[in-house]
Amino acid sequence: MFLACGSTDLRKSIDGLAAIVQESFGLNPFSSGLFVFCNRACNKLKILYWDHNGFWLYYRSLERGRFQWPTGKEEVVAILLRW
């Protein structure tokens, strides 16, 4: 799982988010990773995921509260998940 630090313009769709993954982060959007983006208000998320022959785009919007989101100098933070 990869978190995009700071805010992202969530008006971007699949192609725009995949371009950020590839060009800004230097990662392959067609890998098995989840790429997570958050808006400036930290109340909306988009998750980009490649599944065999197409992308999934998940969207989450909070009615109340905010996500705790990294704002560090890194462009992306990798999180290792173990099942």
PDB file of N, CA and C in Angstrom:
ATOM      1  N   MET A   1       0.854  -1.161   0.000  1.00  0.00           N
ATOM      2  CA  MET A   1       0.000   0.000   0.000  1.00  0.00           C
ATOM      3  C   MET A   1       0.904   1.228   0.000  1.00  0.00           C
ATOM      4  N   PHE A   2       0.562   2.198  -0.799  1.00  0.00           N
ATOM      5  CA  PHE A   2       1.341   3.426  -0.917  1.00  0.00           C
ATOM      6  C   PHE A   2       0.433   4.619  -0.658  1.00  0.00           C
ATOM      7  N   LEU A   3       0.818   5.472   0.290  1.00  0.00           N
ATOM      8  CA  LEU A   3       0.055   6.673   0.607  1.00  0.00           C
ATOM      9  C   LEU A   3       0.730   7.873  -0.031  1.00  0.00           C
ATOM     10  N   ALA A   4      -0.035   8.642  -0.783  1.00  0.00           N
ATOM     11  CA  ALA A   4       0.482   9.875  -1.373  1.00  0.00           C
ATOM     12  C   ALA A   4       0.446  10.960  -0.300  1.00  0.00           C
ATOM     13  N   CYS A   5       1.611  11.409   0.154  1.00  0.00           N
ATOM     14  CA  CYS A   5       1.679  12.418   1.215  1.00  0.00           C
ATOM     15  C   CYS A   5       1.091  13.735   0.733  1.00  0.00           C
ATOM     16  N   GLY A   6       0.540  14.479   1.667  1.00  0.00           N
ATOM     17  CA  GLY A   6      -0.057  15.759   1.322  1.00  0.00           C
ATOM     18  C   GLY A   6      -1.385  15.572   0.624  1.00  0.00           C
ATOM     19  N   SER A   7      -1.846  16.617  -0.018  1.00  0.00           N
ATOM     20  CA  SER A   7      -3.164  16.553  -0.665  1.00  0.00           C
ATOM     21  C   SER A   7      -3.033  16.314  -2.162  1.00  0.00           C
ATOM     22  N   THR A   8      -4.078  15.702  -2.705  1.00  0.00           N
ATOM     23  CA  THR A   8      -4.173  15.425  -4.137  1.00  0.00           C
ATOM     24  C   THR A   8      -5.500  15.975  -4.629  1.00  0.00           C
ATOM     25  N   ASP A   9      -5.512  16.502  -5.825  1.00  0.00           N
ATOM     26  CA  ASP A   9      -6.746  16.971  -6.446  1.00  0.00           C
ATOM     27  C   ASP A   9      -7.580  15.744  -6.812  1.00  0.00           C
ATOM     28  N   LEU A  10      -8.630  15.472  -6.049  1.00  0.00           N
ATOM     29  CA  LEU A  10      -9.428  14.265  -6.272  1.00  0.00           C
ATOM     30  C   LEU A  10     -10.413  14.405  -7.420  1.00  0.00           C
ATOM     31  N   ARG A  11     -10.347  15.504  -8.169  1.00  0.00           N
ATOM     32  CA  ARG A  11     -11.122  15.565  -9.409  1.00  0.00           C
ATOM     33  C   ARG A  11     -10.495  14.669 -10.469  1.00  0.00           C
ATOM     34  N   LYS A  12      -9.260  14.246 -10.212  1.00  0.00           N
ATOM     35  CA  LYS A  12      -8.577  13.350 -11.151  1.00  0.00           C
ATOM     36  C   LYS A  12      -9.256  11.991 -11.145  1.00  0.00           C
ATOM     37  N   SER A  13      -9.319  11.391 -12.316  1.00  0.00           N
ATOM     38  CA  SER A  13      -9.907  10.059 -12.443  1.00  0.00           C
ATOM     39  C   SER A  13      -8.779   9.029 -12.513  1.00  0.00           C
ATOM     40  N   ILE A  14      -9.098   7.851 -12.977  1.00  0.00           N
ATOM     41  CA  ILE A  14      -8.129   6.753 -13.029  1.00  0.00           C
ATOM     42  C   ILE A  14      -6.866   7.140 -13.784  1.00  0.00           C
ATOM     43  N   ASP A  15      -7.009   7.688 -14.973  1.00  0.00           N
ATOM     44  CA  ASP A  15      -5.839   8.020 -15.781  1.00  0.00           C
ATOM     45  C   ASP A  15      -4.949   9.073 -15.106  1.00  0.00           C
ATOM     46  N   GLY A  16      -5.561  10.076 -14.506  1.00  0.00           N
ATOM     47  CA  GLY A  16      -4.795  11.114 -13.830  1.00  0.00           C
ATOM     48  C   GLY A  16      -4.050  10.594 -12.613  1.00  0.00           C
ATOM     49  N   LEU A  17      -4.708   9.746 -11.830  1.00  0.00           N
ATOM     50  CA  LEU A  17      -4.065   9.179 -10.648  1.00  0.00           C
ATOM     51  C   LEU A  17      -2.964   8.200 -11.050  1.00  0.00           C
ATOM     52  N   ALA A  18      -3.202   7.396 -12.100  1.00  0.00           N
ATOM     53  CA  ALA A  18      -2.168   6.473 -12.583  1.00  0.00           C
ATOM     54  C   ALA A  18      -0.947   7.252 -13.083  1.00  0.00           C
ATOM     55  N   ALA A  19      -1.167   8.407 -13.693  1.00  0.00           N
ATOM     56  CA  ALA A  19      -0.054   9.241 -14.152  1.00  0.00           C
ATOM     57  C   ALA A  19       0.758   9.763 -12.967  1.00  0.00           C
ATOM     58  N   ILE A  20       0.096  10.141 -11.881  1.00  0.00           N
ATOM     59  CA  ILE A  20       0.810  10.587 -10.678  1.00  0.00           C
ATOM     60  C   ILE A  20       1.676   9.458 -10.136  1.00  0.00           C
ATOM     61  N   VAL A  21       1.099   8.261 -10.063  1.00  0.00           N
ATOM     62  CA  VAL A  21       1.835   7.100  -9.553  1.00  0.00           C
ATOM     63  C   VAL A  21       3.100   6.872 -10.381  1.00  0.00           C
ATOM     64  N   GLN A  22       2.956   6.928 -11.695  1.00  0.00           N
ATOM     65  CA  GLN A  22       4.071   6.614 -12.585  1.00  0.00           C
ATOM     66  C   GLN A  22       5.084   7.761 -12.668  1.00  0.00           C
ATOM     67  N   GLU A  23       4.614   8.971 -12.890  1.00  0.00           N
ATOM     68  CA  GLU A  23       5.520  10.082 -13.157  1.00  0.00           C
ATOM     69  C   GLU A  23       6.076  10.721 -11.881  1.00  0.00           C
ATOM     70  N   SER A  24       5.233  10.931 -10.889  1.00  0.00           N
ATOM     71  CA  SER A  24       5.697  11.610  -9.672  1.00  0.00           C
ATOM     72  C   SER A  24       6.370  10.663  -8.693  1.00  0.00           C
ATOM     73  N   PHE A  25       5.826   9.460  -8.555  1.00  0.00           N
ATOM     74  CA  PHE A  25       6.355   8.519  -7.569  1.00  0.00           C
ATOM     75  C   PHE A  25       7.356   7.539  -8.153  1.00  0.00           C
ATOM     76  N   GLY A  26       7.387   7.402  -9.484  1.00  0.00           N
ATOM     77  CA  GLY A  26       8.296   6.454 -10.119  1.00  0.00           C
ATOM     78  C   GLY A  26       7.912   5.006  -9.859  1.00  0.00           C
ATOM     79  N   LEU A  27       6.625   4.764  -9.645  1.00  0.00           N
ATOM     80  CA  LEU A  27       6.126   3.417  -9.381  1.00  0.00           C
ATOM     81  C   LEU A  27       5.257   2.941 -10.535  1.00  0.00           C
ATOM     82  N   ASN A  28       5.046   1.644 -10.607  1.00  0.00           N
ATOM     83  CA  ASN A  28       4.244   1.053 -11.669  1.00  0.00           C
ATOM     84  C   ASN A  28       2.782   0.959 -11.215  1.00  0.00           C
ATOM     85  N   PRO A  29       1.868   1.718 -11.835  1.00  0.00           N
ATOM     86  CA  PRO A  29       0.463   1.653 -11.424  1.00  0.00           C
ATOM     87  C   PRO A  29      -0.189   0.300 -11.729  1.00  0.00           C
ATOM     88  N   PHE A  30       0.463  -0.524 -12.558  1.00  0.00           N
ATOM     89  CA  PHE A  30      -0.073  -1.839 -12.910  1.00  0.00           C
ATOM     90  C   PHE A  30       0.431  -2.931 -11.964  1.00  0.00           C
ATOM     91  N   SER A  31       1.127  -2.539 -10.906  1.00  0.00           N
ATOM     92  CA  SER A  31       1.576  -3.512  -9.907  1.00  0.00           C
ATOM     93  C   SER A  31       0.399  -3.902  -9.018  1.00  0.00           C
ATOM     94  N   SER A  32       0.657  -4.768  -8.058  1.00  0.00           N
ATOM     95  CA  SER A  32      -0.427  -5.239  -7.194  1.00  0.00           C
ATOM     96  C   SER A  32      -0.646  -4.331  -5.979  1.00  0.00           C
ATOM     97  N   GLY A  33      -0.042  -3.163  -5.972  1.00  0.00           N
ATOM     98  CA  GLY A  33      -0.166  -2.258  -4.831  1.00  0.00           C
ATOM     99  C   GLY A  33      -1.453  -1.457  -4.850  1.00  0.00           C
ATOM    100  N   LEU A  34      -1.825  -0.984  -3.678  1.00  0.00           N
ATOM    101  CA  LEU A  34      -2.922  -0.030  -3.535  1.00  0.00           C
ATOM    102  C   LEU A  34      -2.300   1.348  -3.429  1.00  0.00           C
ATOM    103  N   PHE A  35      -2.805   2.303  -4.189  1.00  0.00           N
ATOM    104  CA  PHE A  35      -2.301   3.671  -4.171  1.00  0.00           C
ATOM    105  C   PHE A  35      -3.404   4.564  -3.617  1.00  0.00           C
ATOM    106  N   VAL A  36      -3.136   5.197  -2.465  1.00  0.00           N
ATOM    107  CA  VAL A  36      -4.167   5.920  -1.727  1.00  0.00           C
ATOM    108  C   VAL A  36      -3.876   7.416  -1.762  1.00  0.00           C
ATOM    109  N   PHE A  37      -4.912   8.195  -2.093  1.00  0.00           N
ATOM    110  CA  PHE A  37      -4.806   9.644  -2.229  1.00  0.00           C
ATOM    111  C   PHE A  37      -5.857  10.301  -1.343  1.00  0.00           C
ATOM    112  N   CYS A  38      -5.521  11.467  -0.790  1.00  0.00           N
ATOM    113  CA  CYS A  38      -6.425  12.183   0.105  1.00  0.00           C
ATOM    114  C   CYS A  38      -6.560  13.635  -0.370  1.00  0.00           C
ATOM    115  N   ASN A  39      -7.736  14.231  -0.136  1.00  0.00           N
ATOM    116  CA  ASN A  39      -7.934  15.626  -0.532  1.00  0.00           C
ATOM    117  C   ASN A  39      -7.386  16.580   0.525  1.00  0.00           C
ATOM    118  N   ARG A  40      -7.436  17.865   0.255  1.00  0.00           N
ATOM    119  CA  ARG A  40      -6.863  18.882   1.136  1.00  0.00           C
ATOM    120  C   ARG A  40      -7.561  18.925   2.498  1.00  0.00           C
ATOM    121  N   ALA A  41      -8.869  18.728   2.518  1.00  0.00           N
ATOM    122  CA  ALA A  41      -9.627  18.775   3.776  1.00  0.00           C
ATOM    123  C   ALA A  41      -9.494  17.480   4.588  1.00  0.00           C
ATOM    124  N   CYS A  42      -8.841  16.489   4.033  1.00  0.00           N
ATOM    125  CA  CYS A  42      -8.629  15.183   4.681  1.00  0.00           C
ATOM    126  C   CYS A  42      -9.937  14.497   5.058  1.00  0.00           C
ATOM    127  N   ASN A  43     -10.968  14.687   4.238  1.00  0.00           N
ATOM    128  CA  ASN A  43     -12.232  14.002   4.498  1.00  0.00           C
ATOM    129  C   ASN A  43     -12.662  13.100   3.337  1.00  0.00           C
ATOM    130  N   LYS A  44     -11.820  12.982   2.321  1.00  0.00           N
ATOM    131  CA  LYS A  44     -12.120  12.125   1.174  1.00  0.00           C
ATOM    132  C   LYS A  44     -10.859  11.371   0.755  1.00  0.00           C
ATOM    133  N   LEU A  45     -11.050  10.113   0.360  1.00  0.00           N
ATOM    134  CA  LEU A  45      -9.960   9.269  -0.138  1.00  0.00           C
ATOM    135  C   LEU A  45     -10.340   8.676  -1.475  1.00  0.00           C
ATOM    136  N   LYS A  46      -9.320   8.451  -2.305  1.00  0.00           N
ATOM    137  CA  LYS A  46      -9.459   7.630  -3.499  1.00  0.00           C
ATOM    138  C   LYS A  46      -8.348   6.594  -3.461  1.00  0.00           C
ATOM    139  N   ILE A  47      -8.704   5.357  -3.794  1.00  0.00           N
ATOM    140  CA  ILE A  47      -7.744   4.262  -3.814  1.00  0.00           C
ATOM    141  C   ILE A  47      -7.728   3.679  -5.215  1.00  0.00           C
ATOM    142  N   LEU A  48      -6.558   3.623  -5.816  1.00  0.00           N
ATOM    143  CA  LEU A  48      -6.373   3.082  -7.157  1.00  0.00           C
ATOM    144  C   LEU A  48      -5.741   1.701  -7.050  1.00  0.00           C
ATOM    145  N   TYR A  49      -6.329   0.730  -7.745  1.00  0.00           N
ATOM    146  CA  TYR A  49      -5.841  -0.653  -7.678  1.00  0.00           C
ATOM    147  C   TYR A  49      -5.989  -1.318  -9.042  1.00  0.00           C
ATOM    148  N   TRP A  50      -4.936  -1.955  -9.518  1.00  0.00           N
ATOM    149  CA  TRP A  50      -4.950  -2.697 -10.780  1.00  0.00           C
ATOM    150  C   TRP A  50      -5.327  -4.146 -10.508  1.00  0.00           C
ATOM    151  N   ASP A  51      -6.319  -4.669 -11.235  1.00  0.00           N
ATOM    152  CA  ASP A  51      -6.784  -6.046 -11.046  1.00  0.00           C
ATOM    153  C   ASP A  51      -6.832  -6.756 -12.398  1.00  0.00           C
ATOM    154  N   HIS A  52      -5.778  -7.463 -12.740  1.00  0.00           N
ATOM    155  CA  HIS A  52      -5.643  -8.310 -13.929  1.00  0.00           C
ATOM    156  C   HIS A  52      -5.811  -7.569 -15.256  1.00  0.00           C
ATOM    157  N   ASN A  53      -6.968  -6.992 -15.536  1.00  0.00           N
ATOM    158  CA  ASN A  53      -7.144  -6.344 -16.836  1.00  0.00           C
ATOM    159  C   ASN A  53      -7.858  -4.996 -16.736  1.00  0.00           C
ATOM    160  N   GLY A  54      -7.868  -4.403 -15.556  1.00  0.00           N
ATOM    161  CA  GLY A  54      -8.502  -3.099 -15.406  1.00  0.00           C
ATOM    162  C   GLY A  54      -8.271  -2.531 -14.016  1.00  0.00           C
ATOM    163  N   PHE A  55      -8.525  -1.239 -13.883  1.00  0.00           N
ATOM    164  CA  PHE A  55      -8.360  -0.558 -12.604  1.00  0.00           C
ATOM    165  C   PHE A  55      -9.655  -0.557 -11.809  1.00  0.00           C
ATOM    166  N   TRP A  56      -9.514  -0.639 -10.495  1.00  0.00           N
ATOM    167  CA  TRP A  56     -10.577  -0.346  -9.553  1.00  0.00           C
ATOM    168  C   TRP A  56     -10.283   1.036  -9.005  1.00  0.00           C
ATOM    169  N   LEU A  57     -11.319   1.852  -8.832  1.00  0.00           N
ATOM    170  CA  LEU A  57     -11.169   3.142  -8.186  1.00  0.00           C
ATOM    171  C   LEU A  57     -12.183   3.197  -7.048  1.00  0.00           C
ATOM    172  N   TYR A  58     -11.674   3.141  -5.825  1.00  0.00           N
ATOM    173  CA  TYR A  58     -12.519   3.191  -4.638  1.00  0.00           C
ATOM    174  C   TYR A  58     -12.555   4.630  -4.143  1.00  0.00           C
ATOM    175  N   TYR A  59     -13.709   5.046  -3.619  1.00  0.00           N
ATOM    176  CA  TYR A  59     -13.889   6.412  -3.138  1.00  0.00           C
ATOM    177  C   TYR A  59     -14.546   6.376  -1.770  1.00  0.00           C
ATOM    178  N   ARG A  60     -14.021   7.138  -0.839  1.00  0.00           N
ATOM    179  CA  ARG A  60     -14.587   7.204   0.509  1.00  0.00           C
ATOM    180  C   ARG A  60     -14.709   8.669   0.905  1.00  0.00           C
ATOM    181  N   SER A  61     -15.885   9.057   1.394  1.00  0.00           N
ATOM    182  CA  SER A  61     -16.132  10.418   1.842  1.00  0.00           C
ATOM    183  C   SER A  61     -16.692  10.370   3.258  1.00  0.00           C
ATOM    184  N   LEU A  62     -16.062  11.094   4.180  1.00  0.00           N
ATOM    185  CA  LEU A  62     -16.523  11.135   5.563  1.00  0.00           C
ATOM    186  C   LEU A  62     -17.554  12.247   5.741  1.00  0.00           C
ATOM    187  N   GLU A  63     -18.620  11.960   6.450  1.00  0.00           N
ATOM    188  CA  GLU A  63     -19.616  12.983   6.792  1.00  0.00           C
ATOM    189  C   GLU A  63     -19.090  13.870   7.921  1.00  0.00           C
ATOM    190  N   ARG A  64     -18.409  13.255   8.889  1.00  0.00           N
ATOM    191  CA  ARG A  64     -17.825  13.981  10.019  1.00  0.00           C
ATOM    192  C   ARG A  64     -16.398  13.478  10.225  1.00  0.00           C
ATOM    193  N   GLY A  65     -15.565  14.341  10.752  1.00  0.00           N
ATOM    194  CA  GLY A  65     -14.200  13.943  11.066  1.00  0.00           C
ATOM    195  C   GLY A  65     -13.260  14.051   9.883  1.00  0.00           C
ATOM    196  N   ARG A  66     -12.017  13.659  10.150  1.00  0.00           N
ATOM    197  CA  ARG A  66     -10.965  13.746   9.135  1.00  0.00           C
ATOM    198  C   ARG A  66     -10.069  12.526   9.245  1.00  0.00           C
ATOM    199  N   PHE A  67      -9.446  12.180   8.144  1.00  0.00           N
ATOM    200  CA  PHE A  67      -8.418  11.145   8.149  1.00  0.00           C
ATOM    201  C   PHE A  67      -7.122  11.758   8.682  1.00  0.00           C
ATOM    202  N   GLN A  68      -6.354  10.984   9.430  1.00  0.00           N
ATOM    203  CA  GLN A  68      -5.008  11.416   9.813  1.00  0.00           C
ATOM    204  C   GLN A  68      -4.108  11.066   8.638  1.00  0.00           C
ATOM    205  N   TRP A  69      -3.502  12.066   8.037  1.00  0.00           N
ATOM    206  CA  TRP A  69      -2.800  11.868   6.772  1.00  0.00           C
ATOM    207  C   TRP A  69      -1.385  12.398   6.843  1.00  0.00           C
ATOM    208  N   PRO A  70      -0.399  11.662   6.305  1.00  0.00           N
ATOM    209  CA  PRO A  70       0.993  12.130   6.346  1.00  0.00           C
ATOM    210  C   PRO A  70       1.205  13.367   5.480  1.00  0.00           C
ATOM    211  N   THR A  71       1.938  14.321   6.020  1.00  0.00           N
ATOM    212  CA  THR A  71       2.227  15.558   5.285  1.00  0.00           C
ATOM    213  C   THR A  71       3.722  15.771   5.159  1.00  0.00           C
ATOM    214  N   GLY A  72       4.506  14.714   5.337  1.00  0.00           N
ATOM    215  CA  GLY A  72       5.963  14.813   5.314  1.00  0.00           C
ATOM    216  C   GLY A  72       6.521  15.248   3.982  1.00  0.00           C
ATOM    217  N   LYS A  73       7.837  15.355   3.925  1.00  0.00           N
ATOM    218  CA  LYS A  73       8.518  15.791   2.706  1.00  0.00           C
ATOM    219  C   LYS A  73       8.564  14.704   1.640  1.00  0.00           C
ATOM    220  N   GLU A  74       8.362  13.452   2.056  1.00  0.00           N
ATOM    221  CA  GLU A  74       8.346  12.370   1.078  1.00  0.00           C
ATOM    222  C   GLU A  74       7.107  12.528   0.199  1.00  0.00           C
ATOM    223  N   GLU A  75       7.209  12.083  -1.035  1.00  0.00           N
ATOM    224  CA  GLU A  75       6.050  12.132  -1.911  1.00  0.00           C
ATOM    225  C   GLU A  75       5.097  10.979  -1.643  1.00  0.00           C
ATOM    226  N   VAL A  76       5.682   9.844  -1.251  1.00  0.00           N
ATOM    227  CA  VAL A  76       4.864   8.650  -1.032  1.00  0.00           C
ATOM    228  C   VAL A  76       5.436   7.865   0.153  1.00  0.00           C
ATOM    229  N   VAL A  77       4.539   7.260   0.932  1.00  0.00           N
ATOM    230  CA  VAL A  77       4.932   6.431   2.051  1.00  0.00           C
ATOM    231  C   VAL A  77       4.438   5.012   1.767  1.00  0.00           C
ATOM    232  N   ALA A  78       5.345   4.054   1.856  1.00  0.00           N
ATOM    233  CA  ALA A  78       4.977   2.653   1.620  1.00  0.00           C
ATOM    234  C   ALA A  78       4.620   2.003   2.954  1.00  0.00           C
ATOM    235  N   ILE A  79       3.538   1.240   2.942  1.00  0.00           N
ATOM    236  CA  ILE A  79       3.093   0.509   4.125  1.00  0.00           C
ATOM    237  C   ILE A  79       3.017  -0.960   3.747  1.00  0.00           C
ATOM    238  N   LEU A  80       3.715  -1.790   4.490  1.00  0.00           N
ATOM    239  CA  LEU A  80       3.713  -3.227   4.240  1.00  0.00           C
ATOM    240  C   LEU A  80       2.568  -3.866   5.017  1.00  0.00           C
ATOM    241  N   LEU A  81       1.707  -4.575   4.305  1.00  0.00           N
ATOM    242  CA  LEU A  81       0.583  -5.273   4.944  1.00  0.00           C
ATOM    243  C   LEU A  81       0.859  -6.760   4.958  1.00  0.00           C
ATOM    244  N   ARG A  82       0.612  -7.373   6.073  1.00  0.00           N
ATOM    245  CA  ARG A  82       0.780  -8.832   6.177  1.00  0.00           C
ATOM    246  C   ARG A  82      -0.563  -9.445   6.519  1.00  0.00           C
ATOM    247  N   TRP A  83      -0.929 -10.465   5.818  1.00  0.00           N
ATOM    248  CA  TRP A  83      -2.211 -11.138   6.058  1.00  0.00           C
ATOM    249  C   TRP A  83      -2.011 -12.396   6.827  1.00  0.00           C
TER     250      TRP A  83
END
